[in-house]
Protein backbone atom coordinates (compact mmCIF):
# COMPACT_ATOMS: atom_id res chain seq x y z
CA MET A 1 -48.28 14.53 10.03
CA THR A 2 -48.65 18.54 9.67
CA ALA A 3 -47.16 20.82 11.10
CA LEU A 4 -49.49 23.52 11.78
CA PRO A 5 -49.09 26.98 13.39
CA ASP A 6 -49.98 26.86 17.27
CA SER A 7 -50.16 30.13 17.34
CA LEU A 8 -51.70 33.12 15.72
CA ALA A 9 -48.83 35.78 16.36
CA GLU A 10 -46.92 33.56 13.70
CA PHE A 11 -49.43 35.10 10.87
CA GLY A 12 -47.73 38.01 12.35
CA PRO A 13 -48.80 41.27 10.60
CA ALA A 14 -51.62 39.35 8.32
CA ALA A 15 -53.36 37.59 11.51
CA LEU A 16 -56.24 39.80 11.64
CA ALA A 17 -56.95 39.29 7.48
CA ALA A 18 -56.20 35.43 8.33
CA VAL A 19 -58.85 35.23 10.69
CA VAL A 20 -61.57 37.53 8.73
CA VAL A 21 -61.06 34.94 5.74
CA ALA A 22 -61.51 32.15 7.93
CA VAL A 23 -64.84 33.39 9.37
CA TYR A 24 -65.79 34.23 6.52
CA LEU A 25 -65.63 30.96 5.01
CA VAL A 26 -67.81 29.69 7.81
CA VAL A 27 -70.47 32.62 7.88
CA GLY A 28 -70.45 34.32 4.32
CA GLU A 29 -69.89 31.10 2.22
CA PRO A 30 -72.76 29.64 2.82
CA VAL A 31 -74.95 32.99 2.47
CA VAL A 32 -73.32 33.56 -0.56
CA GLY A 33 -73.88 29.94 -1.90
CA HIS A 34 -77.63 30.54 -0.69
CA VAL A 35 -77.91 33.22 -2.83
CA LEU A 36 -76.20 32.38 -6.22
CA HIS A 37 -77.80 28.73 -6.39
CA GLY A 38 -80.90 30.32 -5.59
CA ARG A 39 -80.50 32.70 -9.03
CA PHE A 40 -79.42 29.80 -10.79
CA GLU A 41 -82.22 28.27 -10.15
CA GLY A 42 -84.55 31.13 -10.88
CA ARG A 43 -82.78 31.41 -14.36
CA LEU A 44 -83.19 27.46 -15.53
CA ARG A 45 -86.30 28.35 -17.21
CA THR A 46 -85.93 31.39 -18.97
CA ASP A 47 -82.11 31.18 -19.88
CA ALA A 48 -80.39 28.82 -21.70
CA GLY A 49 -77.00 29.95 -20.89
CA ALA A 50 -78.14 29.62 -17.11
CA ARG A 51 -75.60 26.68 -16.03
CA ARG A 52 -72.51 28.02 -17.99
CA SER A 53 -73.17 31.47 -16.53
CA PHE A 54 -73.50 29.90 -12.71
CA TYR A 55 -70.07 27.40 -13.61
CA ARG A 56 -68.44 31.18 -14.99
CA ARG A 57 -69.56 32.84 -11.39
CA LEU A 58 -68.17 29.88 -9.30
CA LEU A 59 -64.95 29.94 -10.51
CA VAL A 60 -64.41 33.68 -10.66
CA LEU A 61 -65.75 33.30 -6.37
CA GLU A 62 -63.04 30.19 -6.11
CA TRP A 63 -60.37 31.58 -7.45
CA GLY A 64 -60.73 35.06 -6.20
CA LEU A 65 -61.43 33.60 -3.10
CA SER A 66 -58.14 31.44 -2.81
CA VAL A 67 -55.91 34.08 -4.17
CA VAL A 68 -56.96 36.27 -1.22
CA ALA A 69 -55.94 33.41 1.06
CA LEU A 70 -52.60 33.00 -0.63
CA VAL A 71 -51.93 36.87 -0.54
CA VAL A 72 -52.43 36.46 2.92
CA TRP A 73 -50.53 33.40 3.70
CA LEU A 74 -47.82 35.10 1.88
CA ALA A 75 -47.91 38.09 3.79
CA THR A 76 -47.06 35.84 7.12
CA PRO A 77 -43.39 35.80 8.04
CA GLY A 78 -43.92 32.59 10.20
CA VAL A 79 -46.20 30.40 8.49
CA ASP A 80 -44.16 27.76 6.04
CA ALA A 81 -45.61 25.92 3.18
CA ALA A 82 -45.88 22.92 4.90
CA ALA A 83 -47.73 24.57 7.65
CA VAL A 84 -50.76 24.80 4.94
CA GLY A 85 -50.23 21.48 3.11
CA LEU A 86 -48.42 23.17 0.06
CA ALA A 87 -45.95 20.31 0.41
CA TRP A 88 -45.15 16.63 -1.25
CA PRO A 89 -46.91 14.14 1.04
CA ARG A 90 -44.28 13.21 4.20
CA ALA A 91 -46.19 9.87 4.27
CA TRP A 92 -48.50 7.82 3.15
CA PRO A 93 -52.05 7.56 4.71
CA GLY A 94 -52.46 4.98 7.84
CA PRO A 95 -54.62 2.06 7.42
CA LEU A 96 -57.51 3.51 9.33
CA THR A 97 -57.58 6.21 7.08
CA ALA A 98 -57.09 4.18 3.91
CA VAL A 99 -60.12 2.17 5.05
CA VAL A 100 -62.39 5.29 5.31
CA VAL A 101 -61.08 6.51 2.10
CA VAL A 102 -62.13 3.42 0.59
CA VAL A 103 -65.55 3.17 2.33
CA VAL A 104 -66.31 6.78 1.74
CA LEU A 105 -65.27 6.13 -2.32
CA LEU A 106 -67.93 2.96 -1.98
CA LEU A 107 -70.54 5.53 -0.95
CA VAL A 108 -69.51 8.19 -3.15
CA VAL A 109 -70.16 5.39 -6.29
CA ALA A 110 -73.62 4.47 -4.99
CA SER A 111 -74.72 7.81 -4.90
CA THR A 112 -73.66 8.73 -8.04
CA ARG A 113 -75.54 5.50 -9.15
CA GLN A 114 -78.80 6.87 -6.86
CA LEU A 115 -78.62 10.34 -8.58
CA ARG A 116 -78.26 8.58 -12.36
CA ALA A 117 -81.46 6.51 -11.10
CA GLY A 118 -83.54 9.88 -10.02
CA ALA A 119 -82.42 11.96 -12.99
CA LEU A 120 -83.66 8.79 -14.87
CA LEU A 121 -87.36 8.98 -12.98
CA GLU A 122 -87.36 12.67 -13.30
CA THR A 123 -87.17 11.94 -17.42
CA THR A 124 -89.94 9.80 -17.38
CA ARG A 125 -92.17 11.23 -14.77
CA PRO A 126 -95.12 12.80 -16.98
CA ALA A 127 -94.41 16.49 -16.81
CA ARG A 128 -97.73 18.85 -15.43
CA ARG A 129 -99.91 20.32 -17.99
CA SER A 130 -99.14 24.17 -17.76
CA GLY A 131 -102.55 24.99 -16.35
CA HIS A 132 -101.70 22.99 -13.11
CA SER A 133 -98.29 24.53 -12.75
CA PRO A 134 -97.50 26.60 -9.60
CA PRO A 135 -97.12 30.50 -10.17
CA ALA A 136 -93.99 31.41 -11.72
CA HIS A 137 -92.60 33.63 -9.22
CA GLY A 138 -89.91 31.73 -6.90
CA ARG A 139 -90.77 28.43 -9.17
CA HIS A 140 -87.91 26.02 -8.84
CA ALA A 141 -86.55 23.83 -12.31
CA GLU A 142 -85.77 21.00 -10.23
CA PRO A 143 -87.75 19.19 -8.02
CA PRO A 144 -87.56 19.77 -4.59
CA GLY A 145 -84.45 18.00 -2.87
CA GLN A 146 -83.25 17.96 -6.35
CA SER A 147 -80.29 20.83 -6.40
CA THR A 148 -77.40 18.75 -7.11
CA LEU A 149 -79.77 17.62 -10.21
CA ALA A 150 -80.21 20.98 -11.53
CA LEU A 151 -75.83 21.88 -11.35
CA LEU A 152 -75.57 18.82 -14.04
CA PRO A 153 -74.29 19.40 -16.98
CA ARG A 154 -76.54 18.78 -20.02
CA THR A 155 -74.72 20.06 -23.35
CA ALA A 156 -71.46 19.42 -24.39
CA ASP A 157 -70.31 23.36 -23.57
CA GLU A 158 -71.52 22.70 -20.59
CA ARG A 159 -69.71 19.23 -19.98
CA ARG A 160 -66.23 20.66 -20.41
CA LEU A 161 -66.93 24.23 -18.28
CA PHE A 162 -68.08 21.45 -15.57
CA THR A 163 -64.85 20.15 -15.67
CA VAL A 164 -63.39 23.15 -15.00
CA VAL A 165 -65.27 23.52 -12.40
CA GLY A 166 -64.64 20.31 -10.89
CA VAL A 167 -60.57 20.56 -10.81
CA THR A 168 -61.17 23.95 -9.61
CA ALA A 169 -63.31 22.51 -6.69
CA GLY A 170 -60.54 20.03 -6.08
CA VAL A 171 -58.19 22.96 -5.78
CA CYS A 172 -59.17 25.77 -4.36
CA GLU A 173 -61.71 24.00 -2.07
CA GLU A 174 -58.88 21.87 -0.55
CA TRP A 175 -56.57 24.84 -0.29
CA LEU A 176 -59.15 27.30 1.68
CA TYR A 177 -60.93 24.60 3.78
CA ARG A 178 -58.40 22.37 4.59
CA GLY A 179 -54.69 24.41 4.01
CA PHE A 180 -55.51 27.56 4.81
CA PHE A 181 -58.29 27.40 7.19
CA LEU A 182 -57.12 24.72 9.57
CA ALA A 183 -53.96 26.28 9.57
CA VAL A 184 -55.75 29.77 11.08
CA VAL A 185 -57.73 27.62 13.09
CA ALA A 186 -54.92 25.52 14.61
CA ALA A 187 -53.07 28.81 15.11
CA VAL A 188 -56.36 30.09 17.43
CA THR A 189 -56.75 27.54 19.42
CA GLY A 190 -53.35 27.40 20.15
CA GLY A 191 -52.68 23.94 18.52
CA ALA A 192 -55.99 21.96 18.82
CA PRO A 193 -55.82 18.19 18.77
CA GLU A 194 -56.38 17.09 15.07
CA VAL A 195 -59.74 15.47 16.16
CA VAL A 196 -61.26 18.62 17.11
CA LEU A 197 -59.60 19.97 13.78
CA VAL A 198 -61.23 17.06 11.59
CA VAL A 199 -64.87 18.18 13.00
CA VAL A 200 -64.17 21.84 12.38
CA ALA A 201 -63.30 21.32 9.00
CA ALA A 202 -66.13 18.98 8.24
CA VAL A 203 -68.72 21.64 9.92
CA ALA A 204 -67.50 24.28 7.93
CA PHE A 205 -67.74 22.57 4.62
CA GLY A 206 -70.71 21.21 5.25
CA LEU A 207 -72.20 24.60 5.69
CA ALA A 208 -70.35 25.91 2.53
CA HIS A 209 -72.68 23.83 0.79
CA ALA A 210 -76.20 24.73 2.80
CA TYR A 211 -78.10 25.65 -0.10
CA GLN A 212 -78.50 21.51 -1.13
CA GLY A 213 -80.08 21.08 2.26
CA ARG A 214 -79.82 19.13 5.29
CA ALA A 215 -78.78 15.75 3.54
CA GLY A 216 -76.35 18.19 0.93
CA ILE A 217 -74.87 19.63 4.40
CA VAL A 218 -74.44 16.27 6.14
CA LEU A 219 -72.54 14.39 2.75
CA THR A 220 -70.14 17.32 2.50
CA GLY A 221 -69.28 17.58 6.12
CA VAL A 222 -68.77 14.14 5.96
CA LEU A 223 -66.56 14.18 2.55
CA GLY A 224 -64.66 17.73 4.55
CA GLY A 225 -64.24 15.51 7.29
CA VAL A 226 -62.61 12.63 5.43
CA MET A 227 -60.30 15.01 3.49
CA ALA A 228 -59.12 16.79 6.75
CA VAL A 229 -58.06 13.52 8.14
CA LEU A 230 -56.34 12.52 4.52
CA TYR A 231 -54.22 15.77 4.86
CA LEU A 232 -53.31 15.44 8.66
CA ASP A 233 -52.22 12.31 7.84
CA THR A 234 -50.16 12.99 5.00
CA GLY A 235 -49.24 16.36 5.65
CA SER A 236 -49.90 17.38 2.46
CA LEU A 237 -52.84 18.44 0.22
CA LEU A 238 -52.28 16.69 -2.68
CA LEU A 239 -54.14 13.78 -2.04
CA PRO A 240 -56.92 15.47 -0.88
CA VAL A 241 -57.08 17.37 -4.15
CA LEU A 242 -56.81 14.39 -6.39
CA LEU A 243 -59.49 12.78 -4.39
CA HIS A 244 -61.62 15.85 -4.20
CA ALA A 245 -61.50 16.34 -7.91
CA LEU A 246 -62.27 12.72 -8.92
CA ILE A 247 -65.43 12.90 -6.50
CA ASP A 248 -67.02 16.45 -8.07
CA LEU A 249 -66.04 15.01 -11.79
CA ARG A 250 -68.14 11.61 -11.16
CA PHE A 251 -70.89 14.04 -12.33
CA LEU A 252 -69.71 13.77 -15.63
CA LEU A 253 -70.96 9.71 -15.23
CA VAL A 254 -74.34 10.59 -15.49
CA PRO A 255 -75.08 10.80 -19.19
CA ALA A 256 -76.58 13.93 -20.57
CA SER A 257 -79.58 11.49 -21.92
CA ALA A 258 -80.37 10.67 -18.26
CA LEU A 259 -81.17 14.04 -17.25
CA PRO A 260 -84.48 15.86 -17.26
CA ALA A 261 -83.90 18.56 -20.45
CA PRO A 262 -84.04 21.90 -19.63
CA GLY A 263 -87.71 23.27 -18.19
CA ALA A 264 -88.87 20.03 -18.51
CA GLY A 265 -90.14 18.01 -15.26
CA PRO A 266 -93.08 17.61 -13.18
CA GLN A 267 -93.48 21.80 -12.08
CA GLY A 268 -94.47 22.44 -15.85
CA ASP A 269 -93.63 23.45 -19.14
CA ALA A 270 -90.85 25.97 -19.65
CA ALA A 271 -92.04 29.53 -20.21
CA GLY A 272 -91.58 30.75 -23.97
């Protein structure tokens, strides 16, 4: 079990900075994610390097924010490494946690198959003639509800960079949303029960993926809650990091041949 702080005083002079970073994760990150993803989709039809550029922006954002949180934590005199999950697991997951993780993994596998089937459907769906396409302004490169599909890599270079993004998400997001964030929440609430921490972690993580729509919020929220349970159960970020990275890297199982070509799809041919 993780020994979380039970008082904001343990953060000492870094208490205000810790709260500001935690609030940003809940309020600011959804806004930034929405803006970045909107710009990304807007560039897909005219910029062959849009995905690579978006991946690089994600890497800068996640590592930059993680470093900020790390500096804040290093400035706290009363919060040790174990209190933010930077320790080896103290115990294996309990039976209930293990069952939940297995069920979630099965659901993730099922969702991956569904995503692949959806991608294949998009590649075989007849494209609309350009004369019937909607105006270019605000037009997305992927069908509504397929925001995840738009993110998947098509080329070898994109797949290599996406691999780095997947590993980064596992490391940085677990540090930010489980290790750092839950330590601050526990401190602010004076040692909230674990069930409350799990719910808060789930909501915060789901909102961070608001650009994926309601279904994305629910799915990532559930995954965030499962990661929180796994973290609190073991007292370490190690297993959540590994599981998170594997879940993100599963998208590499969707072959490029099954994905719509750049600019292809039901919303018209690529410009130029």
